[in-house]
Amino acid sequence: MPLWSIWWVWMSAALALATLEVMVPGYIFLGFAAGAAVTGVILLVADIASLPVVLVIFAVLSGVAYLGARRVFGIPGNKPKVWDRDIND
């Protein structure tokens, strides 16, 4: 059985990517971690031995998870600056 079709390998990769997200924040690795976790669940349920199919599943799920995280957490620096006091006061 090839390594890319084993579900716990994808779950381990998801854990490693989630740990990397904690050390290097930016929501990039969070999408990859979620994509790897869902890919692991899919491989637990279905037996997919084709590397291109597994990589396409992972890429699509990671992209959707990244866009979802970006929508939930927002884009950094996208908020307008609010002035609390005037410079001449």
PDB file of N, CA and C in Angstrom:
ATOM      1  N   MET A   1       0.843  -1.179   0.000  1.00  0.00           N
ATOM      2  CA  MET A   1       0.000   0.000   0.000  1.00  0.00           C
ATOM      3  C   MET A   1       0.892   1.248   0.000  1.00  0.00           C
ATOM      4  N   PRO A   2       0.689   2.150  -0.956  1.00  0.00           N
ATOM      5  CA  PRO A   2       1.524   3.361  -1.018  1.00  0.00           C
ATOM      6  C   PRO A   2       1.286   4.270   0.189  1.00  0.00           C
ATOM      7  N   LEU A   3       2.291   5.029   0.531  1.00  0.00           N
ATOM      8  CA  LEU A   3       2.251   5.875   1.719  1.00  0.00           C
ATOM      9  C   LEU A   3       1.182   6.961   1.615  1.00  0.00           C
ATOM     10  N   TRP A   4       0.936   7.483   0.414  1.00  0.00           N
ATOM     11  CA  TRP A   4      -0.030   8.576   0.264  1.00  0.00           C
ATOM     12  C   TRP A   4      -1.475   8.117   0.387  1.00  0.00           C
ATOM     13  N   SER A   5      -1.719   6.838   0.407  1.00  0.00           N
ATOM     14  CA  SER A   5      -3.098   6.350   0.520  1.00  0.00           C
ATOM     15  C   SER A   5      -3.419   5.829   1.925  1.00  0.00           C
ATOM     16  N   ILE A   6      -2.549   6.082   2.877  1.00  0.00           N
ATOM     17  CA  ILE A   6      -2.776   5.660   4.263  1.00  0.00           C
ATOM     18  C   ILE A   6      -3.344   6.843   5.039  1.00  0.00           C
ATOM     19  N   TRP A   7      -4.478   6.633   5.683  1.00  0.00           N
ATOM     20  CA  TRP A   7      -5.198   7.740   6.319  1.00  0.00           C
ATOM     21  C   TRP A   7      -4.435   8.371   7.465  1.00  0.00           C
ATOM     22  N   TRP A   8      -3.734   7.579   8.280  1.00  0.00           N
ATOM     23  CA  TRP A   8      -3.070   8.145   9.438  1.00  0.00           C
ATOM     24  C   TRP A   8      -1.853   8.983   9.055  1.00  0.00           C
ATOM     25  N   VAL A   9      -1.301   8.761   7.864  1.00  0.00           N
ATOM     26  CA  VAL A   9      -0.206   9.614   7.389  1.00  0.00           C
ATOM     27  C   VAL A   9      -0.725  11.032   7.155  1.00  0.00           C
ATOM     28  N   TRP A  10      -1.931  11.128   6.576  1.00  0.00           N
ATOM     29  CA  TRP A  10      -2.540  12.443   6.344  1.00  0.00           C
ATOM     30  C   TRP A  10      -2.925  13.102   7.660  1.00  0.00           C
ATOM     31  N   MET A  11      -3.395  12.330   8.634  1.00  0.00           N
ATOM     32  CA  MET A  11      -3.721  12.887   9.942  1.00  0.00           C
ATOM     33  C   MET A  11      -2.465  13.383  10.660  1.00  0.00           C
ATOM     34  N   SER A  12      -1.372  12.655  10.503  1.00  0.00           N
ATOM     35  CA  SER A  12      -0.105  13.095  11.094  1.00  0.00           C
ATOM     36  C   SER A  12       0.385  14.375  10.420  1.00  0.00           C
ATOM     37  N   ALA A  13       0.216  14.452   9.107  1.00  0.00           N
ATOM     38  CA  ALA A  13       0.589  15.672   8.392  1.00  0.00           C
ATOM     39  C   ALA A  13      -0.287  16.841   8.824  1.00  0.00           C
ATOM     40  N   ALA A  14      -1.569  16.581   9.069  1.00  0.00           N
ATOM     41  CA  ALA A  14      -2.468  17.632   9.550  1.00  0.00           C
ATOM     42  C   ALA A  14      -2.024  18.141  10.915  1.00  0.00           C
ATOM     43  N   LEU A  15      -1.629  17.237  11.794  1.00  0.00           N
ATOM     44  CA  LEU A  15      -1.148  17.631  13.112  1.00  0.00           C
ATOM     45  C   LEU A  15       0.138  18.448  13.009  1.00  0.00           C
ATOM     46  N   ALA A  16       1.047  18.023  12.142  1.00  0.00           N
ATOM     47  CA  ALA A  16       2.297  18.763  11.951  1.00  0.00           C
ATOM     48  C   ALA A  16       2.035  20.154  11.365  1.00  0.00           C
ATOM     49  N   LEU A  17       1.120  20.247  10.413  1.00  0.00           N
ATOM     50  CA  LEU A  17       0.801  21.543   9.821  1.00  0.00           C
ATOM     51  C   LEU A  17       0.079  22.457  10.803  1.00  0.00           C
ATOM     52  N   ALA A  18      -0.778  21.892  11.652  1.00  0.00           N
ATOM     53  CA  ALA A  18      -1.445  22.696  12.670  1.00  0.00           C
ATOM     54  C   ALA A  18      -0.440  23.208  13.699  1.00  0.00           C
ATOM     55  N   THR A  19       0.529  22.392  14.039  1.00  0.00           N
ATOM     56  CA  THR A  19       1.592  22.827  14.946  1.00  0.00           C
ATOM     57  C   THR A  19       2.418  23.929  14.308  1.00  0.00           C
ATOM     58  N   LEU A  20       2.699  23.793  13.031  1.00  0.00           N
ATOM     59  CA  LEU A  20       3.441  24.825  12.313  1.00  0.00           C
ATOM     60  C   LEU A  20       2.648  26.127  12.248  1.00  0.00           C
ATOM     61  N   GLU A  21       1.339  26.039  12.155  1.00  0.00           N
ATOM     62  CA  GLU A  21       0.490  27.232  12.138  1.00  0.00           C
ATOM     63  C   GLU A  21       0.575  27.982  13.462  1.00  0.00           C
ATOM     64  N   VAL A  22       0.701  27.255  14.561  1.00  0.00           N
ATOM     65  CA  VAL A  22       0.829  27.903  15.862  1.00  0.00           C
ATOM     66  C   VAL A  22       2.152  28.658  15.957  1.00  0.00           C
ATOM     67  N   MET A  23       3.198  28.091  15.380  1.00  0.00           N
ATOM     68  CA  MET A  23       4.509  28.739  15.444  1.00  0.00           C
ATOM     69  C   MET A  23       4.661  29.857  14.422  1.00  0.00           C
ATOM     70  N   VAL A  24       4.032  29.738  13.260  1.00  0.00           N
ATOM     71  CA  VAL A  24       4.130  30.737  12.196  1.00  0.00           C
ATOM     72  C   VAL A  24       2.706  31.144  11.805  1.00  0.00           C
ATOM     73  N   PRO A  25       2.115  32.115  12.521  1.00  0.00           N
ATOM     74  CA  PRO A  25       0.726  32.459  12.232  1.00  0.00           C
ATOM     75  C   PRO A  25       0.561  33.132  10.873  1.00  0.00           C
ATOM     76  N   GLY A  26      -0.615  33.000  10.317  1.00  0.00           N
ATOM     77  CA  GLY A  26      -0.902  33.621   9.036  1.00  0.00           C
ATOM     78  C   GLY A  26      -2.024  32.938   8.296  1.00  0.00           C
ATOM     79  N   TYR A  27      -2.645  31.943   8.875  1.00  0.00           N
ATOM     80  CA  TYR A  27      -3.780  31.204   8.333  1.00  0.00           C
ATOM     81  C   TYR A  27      -3.450  30.384   7.092  1.00  0.00           C
ATOM     82  N   ILE A  28      -2.215  30.366   6.630  1.00  0.00           N
ATOM     83  CA  ILE A  28      -1.855  29.575   5.458  1.00  0.00           C
ATOM     84  C   ILE A  28      -1.819  28.088   5.826  1.00  0.00           C
ATOM     85  N   PHE A  29      -1.079  27.768   6.867  1.00  0.00           N
ATOM     86  CA  PHE A  29      -0.936  26.373   7.265  1.00  0.00           C
ATOM     87  C   PHE A  29      -2.219  25.813   7.859  1.00  0.00           C
ATOM     88  N   LEU A  30      -3.093  26.683   8.355  1.00  0.00           N
ATOM     89  CA  LEU A  30      -4.375  26.237   8.888  1.00  0.00           C
ATOM     90  C   LEU A  30      -5.225  25.610   7.786  1.00  0.00           C
ATOM     91  N   GLY A  31      -5.209  26.212   6.609  1.00  0.00           N
ATOM     92  CA  GLY A  31      -5.945  25.644   5.477  1.00  0.00           C
ATOM     93  C   GLY A  31      -5.369  24.313   5.034  1.00  0.00           C
ATOM     94  N   PHE A  32      -4.043  24.240   4.996  1.00  0.00           N
ATOM     95  CA  PHE A  32      -3.408  22.971   4.638  1.00  0.00           C
ATOM     96  C   PHE A  32      -3.684  21.899   5.686  1.00  0.00           C
ATOM     97  N   ALA A  33      -3.687  22.271   6.963  1.00  0.00           N
ATOM     98  CA  ALA A  33      -3.955  21.306   8.028  1.00  0.00           C
ATOM     99  C   ALA A  33      -5.385  20.778   7.935  1.00  0.00           C
ATOM    100  N   ALA A  34      -6.325  21.668   7.691  1.00  0.00           N
ATOM    101  CA  ALA A  34      -7.725  21.236   7.552  1.00  0.00           C
ATOM    102  C   ALA A  34      -7.894  20.357   6.315  1.00  0.00           C
ATOM    103  N   GLY A  35      -7.241  20.727   5.214  1.00  0.00           N
ATOM    104  CA  GLY A  35      -7.312  19.905   4.009  1.00  0.00           C
ATOM    105  C   GLY A  35      -6.714  18.524   4.216  1.00  0.00           C
ATOM    106  N   ALA A  36      -5.603  18.446   4.939  1.00  0.00           N
ATOM    107  CA  ALA A  36      -4.985  17.147   5.212  1.00  0.00           C
ATOM    108  C   ALA A  36      -5.852  16.310   6.144  1.00  0.00           C
ATOM    109  N   ALA A  37      -6.490  16.951   7.124  1.00  0.00           N
ATOM    110  CA  ALA A  37      -7.351  16.206   8.048  1.00  0.00           C
ATOM    111  C   ALA A  37      -8.573  15.630   7.331  1.00  0.00           C
ATOM    112  N   VAL A  38      -9.204  16.430   6.492  1.00  0.00           N
ATOM    113  CA  VAL A  38     -10.386  15.932   5.771  1.00  0.00           C
ATOM    114  C   VAL A  38      -9.972  14.884   4.739  1.00  0.00           C
ATOM    115  N   THR A  39      -8.808  15.062   4.129  1.00  0.00           N
ATOM    116  CA  THR A  39      -8.299  14.040   3.207  1.00  0.00           C
ATOM    117  C   THR A  39      -8.059  12.729   3.948  1.00  0.00           C
ATOM    118  N   GLY A  40      -7.539  12.806   5.164  1.00  0.00           N
ATOM    119  CA  GLY A  40      -7.359  11.611   5.974  1.00  0.00           C
ATOM    120  C   GLY A  40      -8.670  10.919   6.287  1.00  0.00           C
ATOM    121  N   VAL A  41      -9.701  11.704   6.579  1.00  0.00           N
ATOM    122  CA  VAL A  41     -11.022  11.114   6.847  1.00  0.00           C
ATOM    123  C   VAL A  41     -11.576  10.458   5.587  1.00  0.00           C
ATOM    124  N   ILE A  42     -11.403  11.110   4.440  1.00  0.00           N
ATOM    125  CA  ILE A  42     -11.878  10.533   3.180  1.00  0.00           C
ATOM    126  C   ILE A  42     -11.146   9.228   2.883  1.00  0.00           C
ATOM    127  N   LEU A  43      -9.843   9.192   3.139  1.00  0.00           N
ATOM    128  CA  LEU A  43      -9.082   7.963   2.891  1.00  0.00           C
ATOM    129  C   LEU A  43      -9.424   6.866   3.899  1.00  0.00           C
ATOM    130  N   LEU A  44      -9.892   7.254   5.082  1.00  0.00           N
ATOM    131  CA  LEU A  44     -10.340   6.256   6.050  1.00  0.00           C
ATOM    132  C   LEU A  44     -11.615   5.572   5.570  1.00  0.00           C
ATOM    133  N   VAL A  45     -12.476   6.345   4.904  1.00  0.00           N
ATOM    134  CA  VAL A  45     -13.754   5.816   4.431  1.00  0.00           C
ATOM    135  C   VAL A  45     -13.610   5.119   3.077  1.00  0.00           C
ATOM    136  N   ALA A  46     -12.879   5.742   2.159  1.00  0.00           N
ATOM    137  CA  ALA A  46     -12.746   5.216   0.798  1.00  0.00           C
ATOM    138  C   ALA A  46     -11.297   4.834   0.529  1.00  0.00           C
ATOM    139  N   ASP A  47     -11.096   3.802  -0.229  1.00  0.00           N
ATOM    140  CA  ASP A  47      -9.754   3.350  -0.587  1.00  0.00           C
ATOM    141  C   ASP A  47      -9.373   3.953  -1.935  1.00  0.00           C
ATOM    142  N   ILE A  48      -8.550   5.006  -1.890  1.00  0.00           N
ATOM    143  CA  ILE A  48      -8.101   5.686  -3.109  1.00  0.00           C
ATOM    144  C   ILE A  48      -6.594   5.480  -3.208  1.00  0.00           C
ATOM    145  N   ALA A  49      -6.135   4.806  -4.234  1.00  0.00           N
ATOM    146  CA  ALA A  49      -4.713   4.492  -4.376  1.00  0.00           C
ATOM    147  C   ALA A  49      -4.027   5.362  -5.420  1.00  0.00           C
ATOM    148  N   SER A  50      -4.771   6.212  -6.089  1.00  0.00           N
ATOM    149  CA  SER A  50      -4.207   7.038  -7.148  1.00  0.00           C
ATOM    150  C   SER A  50      -3.654   8.342  -6.561  1.00  0.00           C
ATOM    151  N   LEU A  51      -2.358   8.575  -6.732  1.00  0.00           N
ATOM    152  CA  LEU A  51      -1.726   9.780  -6.200  1.00  0.00           C
ATOM    153  C   LEU A  51      -2.320  11.053  -6.774  1.00  0.00           C
ATOM    154  N   PRO A  52      -2.552  11.177  -8.091  1.00  0.00           N
ATOM    155  CA  PRO A  52      -3.145  12.418  -8.604  1.00  0.00           C
ATOM    156  C   PRO A  52      -4.521  12.721  -8.023  1.00  0.00           C
ATOM    157  N   VAL A  53      -5.332  11.701  -7.829  1.00  0.00           N
ATOM    158  CA  VAL A  53      -6.670  11.912  -7.271  1.00  0.00           C
ATOM    159  C   VAL A  53      -6.564  12.399  -5.829  1.00  0.00           C
ATOM    160  N   VAL A  54      -5.688  11.790  -5.050  1.00  0.00           N
ATOM    161  CA  VAL A  54      -5.519  12.192  -3.652  1.00  0.00           C
ATOM    162  C   VAL A  54      -4.989  13.616  -3.568  1.00  0.00           C
ATOM    163  N   LEU A  55      -4.052  13.975  -4.435  1.00  0.00           N
ATOM    164  CA  LEU A  55      -3.508  15.332  -4.417  1.00  0.00           C
ATOM    165  C   LEU A  55      -4.537  16.374  -4.851  1.00  0.00           C
ATOM    166  N   VAL A  56      -5.385  16.031  -5.801  1.00  0.00           N
ATOM    167  CA  VAL A  56      -6.446  16.961  -6.211  1.00  0.00           C
ATOM    168  C   VAL A  56      -7.442  17.158  -5.073  1.00  0.00           C
ATOM    169  N   ILE A  57      -7.805  16.081  -4.401  1.00  0.00           N
ATOM    170  CA  ILE A  57      -8.705  16.185  -3.249  1.00  0.00           C
ATOM    171  C   ILE A  57      -8.091  17.080  -2.176  1.00  0.00           C
ATOM    172  N   PHE A  58      -6.820  16.848  -1.880  1.00  0.00           N
ATOM    173  CA  PHE A  58      -6.128  17.653  -0.873  1.00  0.00           C
ATOM    174  C   PHE A  58      -6.051  19.120  -1.288  1.00  0.00           C
ATOM    175  N   ALA A  59      -5.746  19.388  -2.545  1.00  0.00           N
ATOM    176  CA  ALA A  59      -5.624  20.770  -3.012  1.00  0.00           C
ATOM    177  C   ALA A  59      -6.958  21.502  -2.951  1.00  0.00           C
ATOM    178  N   VAL A  60      -8.010  20.844  -3.392  1.00  0.00           N
ATOM    179  CA  VAL A  60      -9.330  21.487  -3.379  1.00  0.00           C
ATOM    180  C   VAL A  60      -9.783  21.741  -1.939  1.00  0.00           C
ATOM    181  N   LEU A  61      -9.636  20.762  -1.075  1.00  0.00           N
ATOM    182  CA  LEU A  61     -10.043  20.932   0.317  1.00  0.00           C
ATOM    183  C   LEU A  61      -9.208  21.990   1.030  1.00  0.00           C
ATOM    184  N   SER A  62      -7.917  22.049   0.738  1.00  0.00           N
ATOM    185  CA  SER A  62      -7.061  23.063   1.347  1.00  0.00           C
ATOM    186  C   SER A  62      -7.435  24.456   0.872  1.00  0.00           C
ATOM    187  N   GLY A  63      -7.742  24.590  -0.398  1.00  0.00           N
ATOM    188  CA  GLY A  63      -8.157  25.890  -0.929  1.00  0.00           C
ATOM    189  C   GLY A  63      -9.462  26.362  -0.319  1.00  0.00           C
ATOM    190  N   VAL A  64     -10.417  25.467  -0.195  1.00  0.00           N
ATOM    191  CA  VAL A  64     -11.700  25.823   0.417  1.00  0.00           C
ATOM    192  C   VAL A  64     -11.504  26.188   1.892  1.00  0.00           C
ATOM    193  N   ALA A  65     -10.677  25.426   2.597  1.00  0.00           N
ATOM    194  CA  ALA A  65     -10.422  25.716   4.009  1.00  0.00           C
ATOM    195  C   ALA A  65      -9.688  27.045   4.174  1.00  0.00           C
ATOM    196  N   TYR A  66      -8.746  27.355   3.296  1.00  0.00           N
ATOM    197  CA  TYR A  66      -8.037  28.635   3.372  1.00  0.00           C
ATOM    198  C   TYR A  66      -8.986  29.795   3.132  1.00  0.00           C
ATOM    199  N   LEU A  67      -9.832  29.683   2.110  1.00  0.00           N
ATOM    200  CA  LEU A  67     -10.783  30.756   1.836  1.00  0.00           C
ATOM    201  C   LEU A  67     -11.787  30.908   2.977  1.00  0.00           C
ATOM    202  N   GLY A  68     -12.188  29.800   3.584  1.00  0.00           N
ATOM    203  CA  GLY A  68     -13.080  29.871   4.739  1.00  0.00           C
ATOM    204  C   GLY A  68     -12.411  30.539   5.933  1.00  0.00           C
ATOM    205  N   ALA A  69     -11.167  30.203   6.208  1.00  0.00           N
ATOM    206  CA  ALA A  69     -10.439  30.829   7.313  1.00  0.00           C
ATOM    207  C   ALA A  69     -10.222  32.312   7.046  1.00  0.00           C
ATOM    208  N   ARG A  70      -9.954  32.647   5.796  1.00  0.00           N
ATOM    209  CA  ARG A  70      -9.757  34.050   5.439  1.00  0.00           C
ATOM    210  C   ARG A  70     -11.053  34.836   5.621  1.00  0.00           C
ATOM    211  N   ARG A  71     -12.167  34.212   5.314  1.00  0.00           N
ATOM    212  CA  ARG A  71     -13.466  34.872   5.477  1.00  0.00           C
ATOM    213  C   ARG A  71     -13.823  35.029   6.951  1.00  0.00           C
ATOM    214  N   VAL A  72     -13.513  34.008   7.750  1.00  0.00           N
ATOM    215  CA  VAL A  72     -13.846  34.060   9.172  1.00  0.00           C
ATOM    216  C   VAL A  72     -12.915  35.004   9.927  1.00  0.00           C
ATOM    217  N   PHE A  73     -11.619  34.892   9.711  1.00  0.00           N
ATOM    218  CA  PHE A  73     -10.650  35.665  10.477  1.00  0.00           C
ATOM    219  C   PHE A  73     -10.308  37.007   9.836  1.00  0.00           C
ATOM    220  N   GLY A  74     -10.619  37.186   8.579  1.00  0.00           N
ATOM    221  CA  GLY A  74     -10.373  38.456   7.905  1.00  0.00           C
ATOM    222  C   GLY A  74      -8.957  38.590   7.379  1.00  0.00           C
ATOM    223  N   ILE A  75      -8.797  39.593   6.559  1.00  0.00           N
ATOM    224  CA  ILE A  75      -7.494  39.903   5.991  1.00  0.00           C
ATOM    225  C   ILE A  75      -6.804  40.899   6.916  1.00  0.00           C
ATOM    226  N   PRO A  76      -5.571  40.631   7.352  1.00  0.00           N
ATOM    227  CA  PRO A  76      -4.899  41.563   8.240  1.00  0.00           C
ATOM    228  C   PRO A  76      -4.662  42.912   7.553  1.00  0.00           C
ATOM    229  N   GLY A  77      -4.892  43.975   8.300  1.00  0.00           N
ATOM    230  CA  GLY A  77      -4.672  45.308   7.753  1.00  0.00           C
ATOM    231  C   GLY A  77      -5.797  45.797   6.866  1.00  0.00           C
ATOM    232  N   ASN A  78      -6.929  45.138   6.873  1.00  0.00           N
ATOM    233  CA  ASN A  78      -8.039  45.508   6.010  1.00  0.00           C
ATOM    234  C   ASN A  78      -9.011  46.461   6.700  1.00  0.00           C
ATOM    235  N   LYS A  79      -8.744  46.840   7.954  1.00  0.00           N
ATOM    236  CA  LYS A  79      -9.641  47.701   8.700  1.00  0.00           C
ATOM    237  C   LYS A  79      -9.184  49.154   8.588  1.00  0.00           C
ATOM    238  N   PRO A  80     -10.125  50.091   8.510  1.00  0.00           N
ATOM    239  CA  PRO A  80      -9.733  51.504   8.431  1.00  0.00           C
ATOM    240  C   PRO A  80      -9.188  52.001   9.758  1.00  0.00           C
ATOM    241  N   LYS A  81      -8.290  52.967   9.688  1.00  0.00           N
ATOM    242  CA  LYS A  81      -7.712  53.545  10.893  1.00  0.00           C
ATOM    243  C   LYS A  81      -8.705  54.511  11.502  1.00  0.00           C
ATOM    244  N   VAL A  82      -8.902  54.386  12.798  1.00  0.00           N
ATOM    245  CA  VAL A  82      -9.808  55.264  13.533  1.00  0.00           C
ATOM    246  C   VAL A  82      -8.961  56.178  14.408  1.00  0.00           C
ATOM    247  N   TRP A  83      -9.158  57.486  14.269  1.00  0.00           N
ATOM    248  CA  TRP A  83      -8.413  58.452  15.039  1.00  0.00           C
ATOM    249  C   TRP A  83      -9.173  58.757  16.316  1.00  0.00           C
ATOM    250  N   ASP A  84      -8.523  58.585  17.461  1.00  0.00           N
ATOM    251  CA  ASP A  84      -9.160  58.846  18.756  1.00  0.00           C
ATOM    252  C   ASP A  84      -9.048  60.305  19.163  1.00  0.00           C
ATOM    253  N   ARG A  85      -7.985  60.968  18.747  1.00  0.00           N
ATOM    254  CA  ARG A  85      -7.810  62.380  19.111  1.00  0.00           C
ATOM    255  C   ARG A  85      -7.194  63.107  17.931  1.00  0.00           C
ATOM    256  N   ASP A  86      -7.349  64.400  17.979  1.00  0.00           N
ATOM    257  CA  ASP A  86      -6.807  65.249  16.926  1.00  0.00           C
ATOM    258  C   ASP A  86      -5.337  65.553  17.218  1.00  0.00           C
ATOM    259  N   ILE A  87      -4.532  65.702  16.191  1.00  0.00           N
ATOM    260  CA  ILE A  87      -3.115  65.970  16.383  1.00  0.00           C
ATOM    261  C   ILE A  87      -2.878  67.368  16.970  1.00  0.00           C
ATOM    262  N   ASN A  88      -3.817  68.262  16.796  1.00  0.00           N
ATOM    263  CA  ASN A  88      -3.658  69.636  17.291  1.00  0.00           C
ATOM    264  C   ASN A  88      -4.133  69.808  18.717  1.00  0.00           C
ATOM    265  N   ASP A  89      -4.670  68.778  19.335  1.00  0.00           N
ATOM    266  CA  ASP A  89      -5.130  68.903  20.731  1.00  0.00           C
ATOM    267  C   ASP A  89      -3.998  68.870  21.709  1.00  0.00           C
TER     268      ASP A  89
END
